[in-house]
Amino acid sequence: MASRRNAADYAMKLEEFYTEFHHWLITRGPTYISGILIFLIGLWFIRLLKTRMRNRMRNRKVHSSLQPFFLSLTITALYVVLTLSVFSIIGWELSFLSAIIASFGVAAGLALSGTFQNFAGGVLILLLKPFDISDYVVAQGQEGTVMSIQLFYTVIKTVDNRTVIIPNGKLFNEVIVNVNREKVRRLDFELKLGYVVEVDKVKEVIYNAIKSATGILPEPEPLVGVIALEIDGIRFTVRVWVDPGDYLDVKIYLQEKIVKDLRDADIKLPTHHVLPGT
């Protein structure tokens, strides 16, 4: 008798389970099936978009350091949106999960604010390109050749062979002088001579020195002339145009050449003045 009663109870419970399952399948089944279908379609769409994004960035020659970042950021965001959308469709409660994510985001933002600033600066530098690899720049009290541009910092090698690492956050928010952006650079300096000199003779000597120098461009034409009349003498200006890479070599050679040629021409140089660079 007991075994028959147990069998009857088991059959009743099994029937109740099938009834409840059938009711759930009718009421909630289509929702879960829709969620699964949307999830599968979303996965296919994300993979397709990933391939197209990679090809588009390659065709548009996006910087190699930015390609994996943009790709990973976009795809991760799409996966999160897809997952949350599916959870919302099938009716799962997300308030607790959203609160955890929001709290974690706030904590991470406060802890990594400086790092995010450097990261944002690196992204902007790579996108806007105020300078590029091998450019000679002056920034943050440093100057030298750009050796590497990373997402968080930029590496510069100075003329005395020092390696300087500058955080991109500070670098992008300050003045940057790109010496190589233009194809030519003006070299100018001044010298002061006494009123006893002949202006035309001084200009002739300087023009001859310019003609003898290598690295000076014919266009724009060099300029030599009197720029100021002062109490203690005449101030001459010398302006020539050179390639940015030849600037220092031409400046040193030309200044030395002018001093020697003026002395050879018996043009007296003042003993209390030097050749100031501008």
Protein backbone atom coordinates (compact mmCIF):
# COMPACT_ATOMS: atom_id res chain seq x y z
CA MET A 1 0.00 0.00 0.00
CA ALA A 2 2.79 2.39 0.92
CA SER A 3 4.59 1.77 -2.36
CA ARG A 4 1.42 2.44 -4.30
CA ARG A 5 0.86 5.70 -2.35
CA ASN A 6 4.45 6.80 -3.07
CA ALA A 7 4.05 6.00 -6.74
CA ALA A 8 0.83 8.03 -6.86
CA ASP A 9 2.53 11.00 -5.12
CA TYR A 10 5.46 10.80 -7.56
CA ALA A 11 3.10 10.72 -10.53
CA MET A 12 1.18 13.71 -9.16
CA LYS A 13 4.36 15.73 -8.62
CA LEU A 14 5.59 14.81 -12.09
CA GLU A 15 2.30 15.91 -13.58
CA GLU A 16 2.51 19.21 -11.66
CA PHE A 17 6.06 19.73 -12.93
CA TYR A 18 5.01 19.13 -16.53
CA THR A 19 2.06 21.46 -16.08
CA GLU A 20 4.21 24.24 -14.64
CA PHE A 21 6.90 23.68 -17.30
CA HIS A 22 4.28 23.80 -20.04
CA HIS A 23 2.89 27.01 -18.58
CA TRP A 24 6.42 28.54 -18.35
CA LEU A 25 7.20 27.39 -21.87
CA ILE A 26 4.09 29.13 -23.21
CA THR A 27 4.47 32.33 -21.20
CA ARG A 28 8.27 32.76 -20.96
CA GLY A 29 9.64 30.43 -23.61
CA PRO A 30 9.22 32.84 -26.57
CA THR A 31 10.99 35.55 -24.58
CA TYR A 32 14.03 33.33 -23.88
CA ILE A 33 14.08 32.07 -27.46
CA SER A 34 14.01 35.67 -28.70
CA GLY A 35 16.85 36.56 -26.34
CA ILE A 36 18.96 33.65 -27.58
CA LEU A 37 18.30 34.51 -31.23
CA ILE A 38 19.17 38.17 -30.64
CA PHE A 39 22.35 37.12 -28.83
CA LEU A 40 23.44 34.89 -31.73
CA ILE A 41 22.61 37.55 -34.33
CA GLY A 42 24.46 40.13 -32.23
CA LEU A 43 27.56 37.93 -32.07
CA TRP A 44 27.51 37.55 -35.86
CA PHE A 45 27.07 41.29 -36.36
CA ILE A 46 29.95 42.14 -33.95
CA ARG A 47 32.31 39.76 -35.75
CA LEU A 48 31.34 41.29 -39.10
CA LEU A 49 31.81 44.81 -37.75
CA LYS A 50 35.20 43.88 -36.27
CA THR A 51 36.47 42.73 -39.66
CA ARG A 52 35.19 45.83 -41.42
CA MET A 53 36.63 48.17 -38.79
CA ARG A 54 40.04 46.53 -39.08
CA ASN A 55 40.03 46.90 -42.87
CA ARG A 56 38.74 50.49 -42.71
CA MET A 57 41.42 51.60 -40.24
CA ARG A 58 44.09 49.89 -42.33
CA ASN A 59 42.87 51.61 -45.52
CA ARG A 60 42.73 55.00 -43.80
CA LYS A 61 46.21 54.48 -42.37
CA VAL A 62 45.21 54.93 -38.74
CA HIS A 63 48.29 54.84 -36.51
CA SER A 64 49.29 51.28 -35.61
CA SER A 65 49.24 52.11 -31.89
CA LEU A 66 45.61 53.21 -32.10
CA GLN A 67 44.18 50.38 -34.20
CA PRO A 68 44.06 47.68 -31.47
CA PHE A 69 42.84 50.24 -28.91
CA PHE A 70 39.88 51.45 -30.98
CA LEU A 71 39.07 47.91 -32.09
CA SER A 72 39.16 46.49 -28.58
CA LEU A 73 37.23 49.42 -27.08
CA THR A 74 34.48 49.26 -29.69
CA ILE A 75 34.08 45.48 -29.65
CA THR A 76 34.10 45.31 -25.84
CA ALA A 77 31.46 48.03 -25.63
CA LEU A 78 29.29 46.18 -28.18
CA TYR A 79 29.58 42.92 -26.22
CA VAL A 80 28.52 44.69 -23.03
CA VAL A 81 25.57 46.37 -24.76
CA LEU A 82 24.51 43.08 -26.35
CA THR A 83 24.67 41.19 -23.04
CA LEU A 84 22.73 43.85 -21.15
CA SER A 85 20.14 44.00 -23.92
CA VAL A 86 19.61 40.23 -23.86
CA PHE A 87 19.31 40.25 -20.06
CA SER A 88 16.75 43.02 -20.30
CA ILE A 89 14.75 41.15 -22.96
CA ILE A 90 14.52 37.96 -20.93
CA GLY A 91 13.55 39.95 -17.83
CA TRP A 92 16.58 39.54 -15.58
CA GLU A 93 16.98 42.23 -12.92
CA LEU A 94 20.11 44.34 -13.60
CA SER A 95 19.92 47.06 -10.94
CA PHE A 96 22.38 45.33 -8.60
CA LEU A 97 24.84 44.61 -11.41
CA SER A 98 24.57 48.19 -12.69
CA ALA A 99 25.31 49.56 -9.22
CA ILE A 100 28.44 47.40 -8.93
CA ILE A 101 29.69 48.48 -12.36
CA ALA A 102 29.03 52.15 -11.59
CA SER A 103 30.83 51.96 -8.23
CA PHE A 104 33.81 50.24 -9.80
CA GLY A 105 33.95 52.85 -12.57
CA VAL A 106 33.98 55.72 -10.09
CA ALA A 107 36.71 54.12 -7.98
CA ALA A 108 38.85 53.33 -11.01
CA GLY A 109 38.37 56.83 -12.39
CA LEU A 110 39.56 58.45 -9.16
CA ALA A 111 42.55 56.14 -8.85
CA LEU A 112 43.67 56.45 -12.46
CA SER A 113 42.77 60.06 -13.28
CA GLY A 114 46.37 60.96 -14.14
CA THR A 115 46.80 57.82 -16.21
CA PHE A 116 43.59 58.52 -18.12
CA GLN A 117 44.79 62.06 -18.79
CA ASN A 118 48.03 60.73 -20.27
CA PHE A 119 46.09 58.14 -22.24
CA ALA A 120 43.71 60.77 -23.66
CA GLY A 121 46.68 62.97 -24.54
CA GLY A 122 48.35 60.08 -26.36
CA VAL A 123 45.21 59.33 -28.36
CA LEU A 124 44.87 63.00 -29.36
CA ILE A 125 48.55 63.23 -30.33
CA LEU A 126 48.29 60.13 -32.51
CA LEU A 127 45.06 61.39 -34.11
CA LEU A 128 45.87 65.08 -34.61
CA LYS A 129 49.61 64.53 -35.21
CA PRO A 130 51.14 67.80 -33.97
CA PHE A 131 54.44 65.99 -34.49
CA ASP A 132 55.63 62.66 -35.82
CA ILE A 133 58.53 60.27 -35.41
CA SER A 134 61.92 61.91 -36.22
CA ASP A 135 60.52 65.44 -35.83
CA TYR A 136 62.58 67.89 -33.78
CA VAL A 137 60.36 69.45 -31.12
CA VAL A 138 60.63 71.87 -28.22
CA ALA A 139 58.21 71.17 -25.37
CA GLN A 140 58.08 71.04 -21.57
CA GLY A 141 61.48 72.72 -21.30
CA GLN A 142 63.03 69.96 -23.41
CA GLU A 143 64.03 69.78 -27.05
CA GLY A 144 65.16 66.95 -29.24
CA THR A 145 64.17 64.37 -31.82
CA VAL A 146 61.00 62.34 -31.28
CA MET A 147 61.99 58.69 -31.08
CA SER A 148 58.69 57.08 -30.06
CA ILE A 149 55.04 58.03 -29.51
CA GLN A 150 53.23 55.71 -27.12
CA LEU A 151 49.69 55.94 -25.76
CA PHE A 152 50.87 57.19 -22.34
CA TYR A 153 54.18 58.94 -23.04
CA THR A 154 56.47 60.29 -25.76
CA VAL A 155 60.20 59.58 -25.92
CA ILE A 156 62.56 62.37 -27.05
CA LYS A 157 66.31 62.13 -27.59
CA THR A 158 68.11 65.42 -26.93
CA VAL A 159 71.08 66.73 -28.90
CA ASP A 160 73.43 65.70 -26.07
CA ASN A 161 72.14 62.11 -26.32
CA ARG A 162 69.80 62.06 -23.32
CA THR A 163 66.52 60.16 -23.41
CA VAL A 164 63.60 62.22 -22.10
CA ILE A 165 60.21 60.60 -21.43
CA ILE A 166 57.34 63.11 -21.32
CA PRO A 167 53.81 62.13 -20.19
CA ASN A 168 51.35 62.77 -23.01
CA GLY A 169 48.85 64.53 -20.75
CA LYS A 170 51.29 67.34 -19.99
CA LEU A 171 52.74 67.32 -23.49
CA PHE A 172 49.46 67.82 -25.33
CA ASN A 173 48.19 70.55 -22.98
CA GLU A 174 51.27 72.76 -23.35
CA VAL A 175 52.91 74.63 -26.22
CA ILE A 176 54.71 72.37 -28.71
CA VAL A 177 57.21 73.83 -31.17
CA ASN A 178 57.66 71.52 -34.16
CA VAL A 179 60.87 72.58 -35.88
CA ASN A 180 60.44 70.12 -38.77
CA ARG A 181 56.81 70.84 -39.65
CA GLU A 182 57.81 73.43 -42.25
CA LYS A 183 60.25 72.44 -44.98
CA VAL A 184 62.52 75.46 -44.50
CA ARG A 185 63.66 77.46 -41.47
CA ARG A 186 64.89 81.00 -41.20
CA LEU A 187 68.28 81.55 -39.60
CA ASP A 188 68.83 85.07 -38.37
CA PHE A 189 71.29 86.84 -36.10
CA GLU A 190 72.58 90.35 -35.52
CA LEU A 191 75.93 92.07 -35.06
CA LYS A 192 76.81 95.58 -34.01
CA LEU A 193 79.59 97.67 -35.53
CA GLY A 194 80.78 101.20 -34.91
CA TYR A 195 79.70 104.21 -36.94
CA VAL A 196 83.15 104.36 -38.56
CA VAL A 197 82.42 101.37 -40.79
CA GLU A 198 81.16 101.63 -44.35
CA VAL A 199 77.72 100.04 -44.57
CA ASP A 200 78.05 98.93 -48.20
CA LYS A 201 81.41 97.30 -47.54
CA VAL A 202 80.08 95.42 -44.51
CA LYS A 203 77.11 94.15 -46.51
CA GLU A 204 79.38 93.05 -49.35
CA VAL A 205 81.59 91.06 -46.99
CA ILE A 206 78.59 89.38 -45.39
CA TYR A 207 76.95 88.55 -48.74
CA ASN A 208 80.23 86.98 -49.93
CA ALA A 209 80.34 84.90 -46.75
CA ILE A 210 76.76 83.75 -47.40
CA LYS A 211 77.65 82.72 -50.97
CA SER A 212 80.55 80.61 -49.70
CA ALA A 213 78.38 78.72 -47.19
CA THR A 214 76.82 75.39 -48.12
CA GLY A 215 73.29 74.63 -46.98
CA ILE A 216 71.84 78.09 -47.52
CA LEU A 217 68.79 78.04 -49.80
CA PRO A 218 68.61 80.47 -52.75
CA GLU A 219 64.89 81.08 -52.11
CA PRO A 220 63.79 83.05 -50.18
CA GLU A 221 66.74 85.33 -50.91
CA PRO A 222 69.18 86.15 -48.09
CA LEU A 223 68.78 89.55 -46.46
CA VAL A 224 71.52 91.72 -44.96
CA GLY A 225 70.87 95.25 -43.79
CA VAL A 226 70.88 97.84 -41.01
CA ILE A 227 68.08 97.07 -38.57
CA ALA A 228 68.77 99.72 -35.92
CA LEU A 229 70.83 102.83 -35.25
CA GLU A 230 71.87 102.93 -31.63
CA ILE A 231 73.94 105.32 -29.55
CA ASP A 232 77.00 103.11 -29.53
CA GLY A 233 76.83 101.70 -33.06
CA ILE A 234 75.01 100.31 -36.06
CA ARG A 235 73.11 97.04 -35.67
CA PHE A 236 73.11 94.77 -38.74
CA THR A 237 70.77 91.84 -39.26
CA VAL A 238 71.56 88.73 -41.29
CA ARG A 239 68.71 86.48 -42.46
CA VAL A 240 69.05 83.36 -44.54
CA TRP A 241 66.87 80.26 -45.10
CA VAL A 242 68.05 76.70 -44.55
CA ASP A 243 66.75 73.16 -44.23
CA PRO A 244 65.77 72.51 -40.59
CA GLY A 245 68.39 69.78 -40.27
CA ASP A 246 71.19 72.13 -41.38
CA TYR A 247 70.26 74.99 -39.06
CA LEU A 248 72.95 74.62 -36.39
CA ASP A 249 75.81 73.73 -38.76
CA VAL A 250 75.07 76.66 -41.06
CA LYS A 251 74.71 79.07 -38.15
CA ILE A 252 78.07 78.15 -36.65
CA TYR A 253 79.88 78.25 -39.97
CA LEU A 254 78.32 81.52 -41.14
CA GLN A 255 78.97 83.43 -37.92
CA GLU A 256 82.61 82.32 -37.84
CA LYS A 257 83.04 83.08 -41.52
CA ILE A 258 81.61 86.60 -41.16
CA VAL A 259 83.89 87.43 -38.21
CA LYS A 260 86.99 86.24 -40.08
CA ASP A 261 86.07 88.02 -43.33
CA LEU A 262 85.33 91.28 -41.53
CA ARG A 263 88.74 91.18 -39.90
CA ASP A 264 90.44 90.32 -43.17
CA ALA A 265 88.70 93.33 -44.75
CA ASP A 266 90.14 95.58 -41.98
CA ILE A 267 86.68 96.28 -40.59
CA LYS A 268 87.13 96.82 -36.89
CA LEU A 269 84.92 94.75 -34.63
CA PRO A 270 83.90 96.21 -31.26
CA THR A 271 85.56 94.49 -28.32
CA HIS A 272 82.57 94.86 -26.01
CA HIS A 273 79.96 93.23 -28.27
CA VAL A 274 79.47 89.65 -29.40
CA LEU A 275 77.28 88.13 -32.07
CA PRO A 276 73.91 87.57 -30.37
CA GLY A 277 71.61 84.88 -31.78
CA THR A 278 67.89 85.58 -31.97
